[in-house]
């Protein structure tokens, strides 16, 4: 997955982002599978907001799990 510098930061983010709005519609097991797959493909730019149901909470939990599994 190609990465690009994010604005004026030194952060490198994937060219492909993951919009998390629809994660709130998934069961926890399906959400785990989708986010884990995206993370394993090199996506590290995830976008969600508080108005997106429970997607923000799910993404935080899932990314923490994915990150600890990658270590």
C-alpha atoms as a PDB file:
ATOM      1  CA  UNK A   1       0.000   0.000   0.000  1.00  0.00           C
ATOM      2  CA  UNK A   2       1.474   3.316  -1.021  1.00  0.00           C
ATOM      3  CA  UNK A   3       1.721   5.976   1.663  1.00  0.00           C
ATOM      4  CA  UNK A   4       1.765   9.765   1.493  1.00  0.00           C
ATOM      5  CA  UNK A   5       2.802  12.447   3.919  1.00  0.00           C
ATOM      6  CA  UNK A   6      -0.187  13.875   5.790  1.00  0.00           C
ATOM      7  CA  UNK A   7      -0.209  17.652   5.391  1.00  0.00           C
ATOM      8  CA  UNK A   8       2.641  19.332   7.237  1.00  0.00           C
ATOM      9  CA  UNK A   9       3.192  16.400   9.563  1.00  0.00           C
ATOM     10  CA  UNK A  10       5.705  13.587   9.270  1.00  0.00           C
ATOM     11  CA  UNK A  11       2.911  11.034   9.392  1.00  0.00           C
ATOM     12  CA  UNK A  12       2.692   8.620   6.469  1.00  0.00           C
ATOM     13  CA  UNK A  13      -0.868   7.547   5.691  1.00  0.00           C
ATOM     14  CA  UNK A  14      -2.203   5.092   3.154  1.00  0.00           C
ATOM     15  CA  UNK A  15      -3.461   6.512  -0.123  1.00  0.00           C
ATOM     16  CA  UNK A  16      -6.634   4.508   0.425  1.00  0.00           C
ATOM     17  CA  UNK A  17      -8.679   5.531   3.441  1.00  0.00           C
ATOM     18  CA  UNK A  18     -11.311   3.580   5.332  1.00  0.00           C
ATOM     19  CA  UNK A  19     -14.618   5.355   5.961  1.00  0.00           C
ATOM     20  CA  UNK A  20     -16.101   3.936   9.133  1.00  0.00           C
ATOM     21  CA  UNK A  21     -19.693   5.180   9.021  1.00  0.00           C
ATOM     22  CA  UNK A  22     -21.140   1.813   8.028  1.00  0.00           C
ATOM     23  CA  UNK A  23     -19.214  -0.157  10.702  1.00  0.00           C
ATOM     24  CA  UNK A  24     -22.046   0.581  13.134  1.00  0.00           C
ATOM     25  CA  UNK A  25     -24.301  -1.621  10.979  1.00  0.00           C
ATOM     26  CA  UNK A  26     -22.053  -4.681  11.352  1.00  0.00           C
ATOM     27  CA  UNK A  27     -22.006  -7.287  14.052  1.00  0.00           C
ATOM     28  CA  UNK A  28     -18.896  -7.179  16.241  1.00  0.00           C
ATOM     29  CA  UNK A  29     -17.454 -10.284  14.549  1.00  0.00           C
ATOM     30  CA  UNK A  30     -18.009  -8.886  11.042  1.00  0.00           C
ATOM     31  CA  UNK A  31     -16.548  -5.524  12.088  1.00  0.00           C
ATOM     32  CA  UNK A  32     -13.458  -7.303  13.436  1.00  0.00           C
ATOM     33  CA  UNK A  33     -13.016  -9.175  10.162  1.00  0.00           C
ATOM     34  CA  UNK A  34     -13.396  -6.073   7.955  1.00  0.00           C
ATOM     35  CA  UNK A  35     -11.154  -3.763   9.966  1.00  0.00           C
ATOM     36  CA  UNK A  36      -8.524  -6.461  10.498  1.00  0.00           C
ATOM     37  CA  UNK A  37      -8.406  -7.120   6.763  1.00  0.00           C
ATOM     38  CA  UNK A  38      -8.079  -3.416   5.940  1.00  0.00           C
ATOM     39  CA  UNK A  39      -5.283  -3.050   8.492  1.00  0.00           C
ATOM     40  CA  UNK A  40      -3.471  -6.130   7.167  1.00  0.00           C
ATOM     41  CA  UNK A  41      -3.645  -4.677   3.639  1.00  0.00           C
ATOM     42  CA  UNK A  42      -1.768  -1.602   4.864  1.00  0.00           C
ATOM     43  CA  UNK A  43      -4.610   0.844   5.399  1.00  0.00           C
ATOM     44  CA  UNK A  44      -3.724   3.123   8.286  1.00  0.00           C
ATOM     45  CA  UNK A  45      -6.061   6.039   7.564  1.00  0.00           C
ATOM     46  CA  UNK A  46      -9.411   5.424   9.247  1.00  0.00           C
ATOM     47  CA  UNK A  47     -12.140   8.068   9.302  1.00  0.00           C
ATOM     48  CA  UNK A  48     -15.202   8.132  11.528  1.00  0.00           C
ATOM     49  CA  UNK A  49     -17.145  10.515  13.737  1.00  0.00           C
ATOM     50  CA  UNK A  50     -19.273  10.433  16.870  1.00  0.00           C
ATOM     51  CA  UNK A  51     -22.422  10.807  14.768  1.00  0.00           C
ATOM     52  CA  UNK A  52     -21.679   7.458  13.081  1.00  0.00           C
ATOM     53  CA  UNK A  53     -23.362   5.331  15.750  1.00  0.00           C
ATOM     54  CA  UNK A  54     -20.929   3.056  17.568  1.00  0.00           C
ATOM     55  CA  UNK A  55     -18.439   2.933  14.693  1.00  0.00           C
ATOM     56  CA  UNK A  56     -15.932   5.125  16.522  1.00  0.00           C
ATOM     57  CA  UNK A  57     -15.890   2.846  19.578  1.00  0.00           C
ATOM     58  CA  UNK A  58     -15.667  -0.294  17.427  1.00  0.00           C
ATOM     59  CA  UNK A  59     -12.804   1.094  15.353  1.00  0.00           C
ATOM     60  CA  UNK A  60     -10.797   2.087  18.425  1.00  0.00           C
ATOM     61  CA  UNK A  61     -11.175  -1.367  19.966  1.00  0.00           C
ATOM     62  CA  UNK A  62     -10.454  -3.178  16.713  1.00  0.00           C
ATOM     63  CA  UNK A  63      -7.423  -1.095  15.821  1.00  0.00           C
ATOM     64  CA  UNK A  64      -5.943  -1.614  19.273  1.00  0.00           C
ATOM     65  CA  UNK A  65      -6.344  -5.375  18.786  1.00  0.00           C
ATOM     66  CA  UNK A  66      -4.896  -5.265  15.250  1.00  0.00           C
ATOM     67  CA  UNK A  67      -1.954  -3.139  16.384  1.00  0.00           C
ATOM     68  CA  UNK A  68      -1.122  -5.446  19.286  1.00  0.00           C
ATOM     69  CA  UNK A  69      -1.374  -8.500  17.013  1.00  0.00           C
ATOM     70  CA  UNK A  70       1.012  -6.884  14.513  1.00  0.00           C
ATOM     71  CA  UNK A  71       3.668  -6.301  17.188  1.00  0.00           C
END
